[in-house]
Protein backbone atom coordinates (compact mmCIF):
# COMPACT_ATOMS: atom_id res chain seq x y z
CA MET A 1 -0.06 -19.78 29.93
CA ALA A 2 -3.90 -17.74 30.27
CA LYS A 3 -6.52 -19.12 29.56
CA SER A 4 -8.81 -19.03 26.59
CA PRO A 5 -11.19 -16.62 26.80
CA ALA A 6 -14.05 -19.79 26.09
CA LYS A 7 -12.24 -21.63 29.84
CA GLN A 8 -12.44 -18.71 32.02
CA ARG A 9 -15.39 -19.19 34.58
CA GLY A 10 -16.66 -15.85 35.90
CA LEU A 11 -19.91 -14.64 37.82
CA THR A 12 -22.94 -14.58 36.37
CA VAL A 13 -25.00 -11.25 35.25
CA GLN A 14 -28.84 -10.98 35.46
CA VAL A 15 -30.19 -8.21 34.05
CA ARG A 16 -33.05 -7.46 35.06
CA ALA A 17 -36.38 -6.15 34.09
CA VAL A 18 -36.81 -2.23 32.85
CA ALA A 19 -39.16 -0.58 31.71
CA GLY A 20 -39.35 -0.38 27.82
CA ARG A 21 -36.49 -2.90 27.41
CA SER A 22 -38.23 -5.67 25.57
CA ILE A 23 -37.52 -9.51 26.37
CA LYS A 24 -34.90 -9.68 23.26
CA SER A 25 -33.14 -6.63 24.24
CA ARG A 26 -32.86 -7.58 27.98
CA GLU A 27 -31.45 -11.08 26.91
CA TRP A 28 -28.61 -9.90 24.20
CA LEU A 29 -27.59 -7.83 27.01
CA GLN A 30 -27.87 -9.91 29.04
CA ARG A 31 -25.26 -12.88 26.99
CA GLN A 32 -22.83 -9.61 26.46
CA LEU A 33 -22.30 -8.85 29.27
CA ASN A 34 -21.64 -13.21 30.27
CA ASP A 35 -19.64 -13.99 26.88
CA PRO A 36 -15.89 -14.18 27.51
CA TYR A 37 -14.86 -13.38 24.14
CA VAL A 38 -16.56 -10.05 24.63
CA GLN A 39 -15.01 -9.89 28.06
CA ALA A 40 -11.63 -10.66 26.78
CA ALA A 41 -11.67 -8.57 24.06
CA GLN A 42 -12.22 -5.29 26.25
CA LYS A 43 -9.73 -6.42 27.83
CA ALA A 44 -7.08 -6.76 24.87
CA GLY A 45 -8.33 -3.62 23.21
CA TRP A 46 -9.60 -5.42 20.32
CA ARG A 47 -13.10 -3.52 18.95
CA SER A 48 -15.73 -6.21 18.78
CA ARG A 49 -15.14 -10.43 19.87
CA ALA A 50 -15.12 -10.78 16.15
CA ALA A 51 -11.60 -10.71 16.90
CA PHE A 52 -11.09 -13.92 18.03
CA LYS A 53 -13.24 -15.60 14.55
CA LEU A 54 -10.31 -14.04 12.63
CA ILE A 55 -7.18 -15.48 15.29
CA GLN A 56 -8.03 -18.75 15.90
CA LEU A 57 -8.91 -19.01 11.54
CA ASP A 58 -5.08 -17.78 11.00
CA GLU A 59 -3.74 -20.78 13.87
CA LYS A 60 -5.95 -23.24 11.65
CA PHE A 61 -5.14 -22.05 7.66
CA HIS A 62 -2.11 -19.86 8.73
CA LEU A 63 -3.68 -16.92 6.06
CA LEU A 64 -1.74 -13.67 8.43
CA LYS A 65 1.58 -12.84 6.79
CA PRO A 66 3.83 -9.62 6.89
CA GLY A 67 3.99 -7.96 4.06
CA LEU A 68 0.63 -8.90 2.87
CA ARG A 69 -1.85 -6.81 1.24
CA VAL A 70 -5.31 -8.28 2.70
CA VAL A 71 -8.27 -6.21 2.17
CA ASP A 72 -11.67 -6.80 4.92
CA LEU A 73 -14.85 -6.34 3.49
CA GLY A 74 -17.93 -4.82 5.54
CA ALA A 75 -14.36 -3.47 8.27
CA ALA A 76 -16.66 -1.90 11.05
CA PRO A 77 -15.82 -1.94 13.97
CA GLY A 78 -12.63 -3.08 12.92
CA GLY A 79 -12.14 -5.60 14.61
CA TRP A 80 -10.32 -7.69 12.35
CA MET A 81 -8.27 -5.19 11.03
CA GLN A 82 -6.96 -4.53 14.30
CA VAL A 83 -5.54 -8.51 13.73
CA ALA A 84 -3.99 -8.77 9.70
CA ALA A 85 -2.52 -4.69 11.14
CA ALA A 86 -0.65 -6.91 13.83
CA LYS A 87 0.35 -9.56 12.16
CA GLY A 88 2.32 -7.05 10.09
CA CYS A 89 -0.44 -7.08 7.09
CA ARG A 90 -1.02 -4.03 4.45
CA VAL A 91 -4.56 -3.41 5.32
CA VAL A 92 -7.52 -1.56 3.42
CA GLY A 93 -10.51 -1.97 5.12
CA LEU A 94 -14.28 -1.27 2.79
CA ASP A 95 -17.47 -0.65 4.25
CA LEU A 96 -20.66 1.85 3.65
CA LEU A 97 -20.41 2.66 7.46
CA GLU A 98 -18.24 5.25 9.14
CA ILE A 99 -14.65 3.52 11.11
CA ASP A 100 -12.38 5.08 13.52
CA PRO A 101 -9.14 5.44 12.38
CA VAL A 102 -7.45 1.81 13.21
CA PRO A 103 -3.54 2.41 12.92
CA GLY A 104 -0.91 0.60 10.49
CA THR A 105 -4.33 0.49 7.97
CA LEU A 106 -6.19 2.39 5.72
CA ILE A 107 -10.15 3.04 5.30
CA LEU A 108 -11.98 2.98 2.60
CA GLN A 109 -15.50 4.39 2.59
CA GLY A 110 -18.55 3.14 -0.31
CA ASP A 111 -19.60 -0.17 -1.99
CA PHE A 112 -16.79 -2.60 -2.83
CA GLN A 113 -19.97 -3.19 -5.85
CA ASP A 114 -18.80 0.52 -7.03
CA GLU A 115 -15.99 0.42 -9.97
CA ALA A 116 -15.05 3.40 -8.57
CA VAL A 117 -14.05 1.64 -4.88
CA GLU A 118 -13.04 -1.38 -6.55
CA ARG A 119 -10.79 0.82 -8.13
CA ALA A 120 -9.32 3.23 -4.64
CA VAL A 121 -8.76 -0.61 -3.41
CA LEU A 122 -6.29 -1.31 -5.64
CA ASP A 123 -4.57 2.12 -5.67
CA ALA A 124 -4.33 1.83 -1.71
CA MET A 125 -2.69 -1.36 -2.14
CA ALA A 126 -0.37 -0.49 -4.94
CA GLY A 127 -1.40 -4.49 -6.35
CA PRO A 128 -3.72 -6.60 -6.50
CA ALA A 129 -4.08 -7.89 -3.16
CA ASP A 130 -2.87 -11.83 -1.25
CA LEU A 131 -6.58 -11.99 0.97
CA VAL A 132 -9.66 -11.06 0.94
CA LEU A 133 -11.83 -11.17 4.29
CA SER A 134 -15.66 -11.28 4.88
CA ASP A 135 -17.08 -11.69 8.13
CA MET A 136 -20.45 -9.53 6.91
CA ALA A 137 -23.22 -10.25 7.67
CA PRO A 138 -27.23 -8.97 7.27
CA ASN A 139 -29.93 -8.46 9.74
CA THR A 140 -31.46 -11.34 10.52
CA THR A 141 -34.75 -11.75 10.86
CA GLY A 142 -35.53 -15.15 12.47
CA HIS A 143 -36.78 -17.31 9.53
CA GLY A 144 -33.21 -19.81 9.40
CA PRO A 145 -33.96 -20.16 4.88
CA THR A 146 -33.92 -16.31 4.21
CA ASP A 147 -31.75 -15.84 6.57
CA HIS A 148 -29.00 -18.15 4.58
CA LEU A 149 -30.27 -17.05 1.70
CA ARG A 150 -29.18 -13.39 2.69
CA ILE A 151 -25.81 -14.11 3.85
CA MET A 152 -24.67 -16.37 0.65
CA GLY A 153 -26.04 -13.87 -1.43
CA LEU A 154 -23.21 -11.44 0.10
CA ALA A 155 -21.03 -13.92 0.45
CA GLU A 156 -21.00 -14.58 -3.33
CA ILE A 157 -20.65 -10.60 -4.32
CA ALA A 158 -17.64 -10.89 -1.52
CA LEU A 159 -16.33 -13.63 -3.78
CA ASP A 160 -17.44 -11.64 -7.22
CA PHE A 161 -14.55 -9.04 -5.66
CA ALA A 162 -12.05 -11.27 -4.77
CA GLU A 163 -12.05 -13.07 -8.18
CA ARG A 164 -11.41 -9.75 -9.50
CA VAL A 165 -8.86 -7.99 -6.85
CA LEU A 166 -6.67 -11.48 -5.51
CA GLU A 167 -3.20 -11.94 -6.88
CA PRO A 168 -2.52 -15.94 -8.57
CA GLY A 169 -1.87 -17.55 -4.93
CA GLY A 170 -4.14 -15.40 -3.13
CA ALA A 171 -6.76 -16.13 -0.84
CA PHE A 172 -10.53 -16.10 0.36
CA ALA A 173 -12.01 -16.06 3.79
CA ALA A 174 -15.90 -14.92 4.26
CA LYS A 175 -18.61 -15.77 6.94
CA VAL A 176 -21.85 -18.22 5.06
CA PHE A 177 -24.60 -19.97 7.29
CA GLN A 178 -24.80 -23.35 7.17
CA GLY A 179 -27.82 -24.03 5.03
CA GLY A 180 -28.81 -26.53 1.84
CA SER A 181 -28.57 -23.51 -1.25
CA GLU A 182 -24.65 -23.01 -0.86
CA ALA A 183 -23.04 -26.15 -2.80
CA ALA A 184 -23.36 -23.94 -6.31
CA MET A 185 -20.92 -21.90 -4.54
CA LEU A 186 -18.33 -24.60 -3.16
CA VAL A 187 -18.59 -25.69 -7.45
CA ARG A 188 -17.45 -22.04 -7.67
CA LEU A 189 -14.48 -21.56 -5.09
CA ARG A 190 -13.30 -25.45 -6.12
CA ALA A 191 -13.20 -24.29 -9.49
CA ARG A 192 -10.93 -21.34 -9.04
CA PHE A 193 -9.73 -22.27 -5.96
CA ALA A 194 -6.85 -24.87 -4.89
CA THR A 195 -7.87 -26.08 -1.83
CA VAL A 196 -11.54 -25.04 0.06
CA LYS A 197 -12.78 -25.61 3.71
CA HIS A 198 -15.02 -24.83 6.37
CA ALA A 199 -14.45 -24.01 9.77
CA LYS A 200 -16.26 -22.85 12.75
CA PRO A 201 -14.75 -21.00 15.14
CA ALA A 202 -14.27 -21.69 18.88
CA ALA A 203 -15.51 -17.78 19.41
CA SER A 204 -18.57 -18.17 17.18
CA ARG A 205 -21.33 -18.76 19.70
CA LYS A 206 -22.98 -22.14 19.34
CA ASP A 207 -26.01 -21.75 18.83
CA SER A 208 -24.93 -19.48 16.20
CA SER A 209 -25.61 -21.53 12.04
CA GLU A 210 -22.31 -19.50 11.50
CA LEU A 211 -19.35 -20.96 9.07
CA TYR A 212 -16.64 -19.97 7.43
CA VAL A 213 -15.31 -21.22 4.41
CA VAL A 214 -11.56 -20.35 3.61
CA ALA A 215 -10.13 -20.70 0.08
CA THR A 216 -6.43 -20.56 -0.89
CA GLY A 217 -4.36 -20.89 -3.72
CA PHE A 218 -6.73 -18.97 -6.21
CA ARG A 219 -5.74 -19.80 -10.16
CA GLY A 220 -6.82 -16.09 -10.95
């Protein structure tokens, strides 16, 4: 059996200081070069290490099934779309950024808060969604409370969208940050879904405060 990326061991790559390269840039590059999930994603053909986060969430919650209509919000660069398509789902990816084509999926460029874009998503799926995914995260400021509020804002507008497009019985999974102000969102989720749980996939970096909320059994 192949080892999981987290259990693989290898030589540590040290990034030398180069004129014009900031300390933060050097630290980020060194982390990327030594991240087993980055290496495994490259070998497997996933577009980002984040693909493993969805794989692990699916292993735990069984979100992805052949034929399900899945919307991936903030889909760039397309790693989550790849995973869902590989599971046989009908995938529509949406982002403000341009995304290179992902085989077996449909990509739309636009703002999912735009009514016309929302209609385009529903038209593309020929009906409501079974699952709405969001791995969106804002640019971080380094100030924990501010970053928490920003990502919770993204999660809430993703939930707004999910409530409008989900089929009864559908599911919603989104990135959030550990903080203290998500109580209102949890109240809302528990009112609209039968089950609401949190998970931190092994592929999430240990020093990251990110979590994923997974809500199933949409009440419509």
